[in-house]
Amino acid sequence: MPEQGDSEIARTKKLIGVWFWSLVLLSVATWVLMPRLPTQGVCYFRDIWFLRALWHQNAIIYDQFIKLGHSNSQQCVFFATRSMLSLYFAIFACVIVISSPKGERPASKAWLGMAFLTVVVIGCQIFFDGFDNQTHGRYPVYRTYDSVNSLIWKSIFRMFLFYFFLTFWLHVCVRVASNRFRHGGSESQEAPLQQSDDATKLPFTHPLASRPPPP
């Protein structure tokens, strides 16, 4: 029913909006309060690989960043803030995928275009996105002379791109799985009905075979 569908879409938008603004406020609070927390606890995000790997670029630029001469506290705040912001992005991506209506999967042409962009963006983040003072352009390149806050700002842009593509592919996987489950369930329900119809049919008898014998 159209009214029921509209109300479901409205609830979904409201739910996503609540999560979005909650995570935005939590991100701002994390960014502001992280330098004021005890350094020993914040440094767990630098020294423990699992916490550092909450944002994959922490592992990629770790050796370069350590050599830049930032203080121990700045290093820990840098890795901790990026890991926590990445975690918030991941939570919001899961909220979108779970709460979005399950419709038809995107066309294969959209898959090809998004697959190409995903490989380019993620590949550049993994293999070519270190510190570089020579490249100039609109892309927010990491500079060795950037402050910690400036580096975090540039990291947010990369997180947005990364989790945008991740959300798309998770959404595709959920749609494909739900469509297969739906089609599989309908086929399994049709099979017993077909068998019951076949069982109730009377056996076919040819008209010539049913004539009475001559006197």
Foldseek 3Di string as FASTA:
>chain_A
DVVVVVVLVVVLVVVLVVLVVVLVVVLVCLLVCLLVDDQVVLCCLVVPVVNLPLPVLSVQAVVVLVPLDDDSSLSSSLSSSLSVNSVSLVVSLVSCLVSPDQDAADDVVVVVVLVVVLCVLVVCSRPPQYADPPDDDDQLHHHSPDGSVSVSVSSVVSSVVNSVSVSSVSNNVVNVVVVVVVVVVVVVVVVVVVVVVVVPDDDDDDPVVPDDDDD
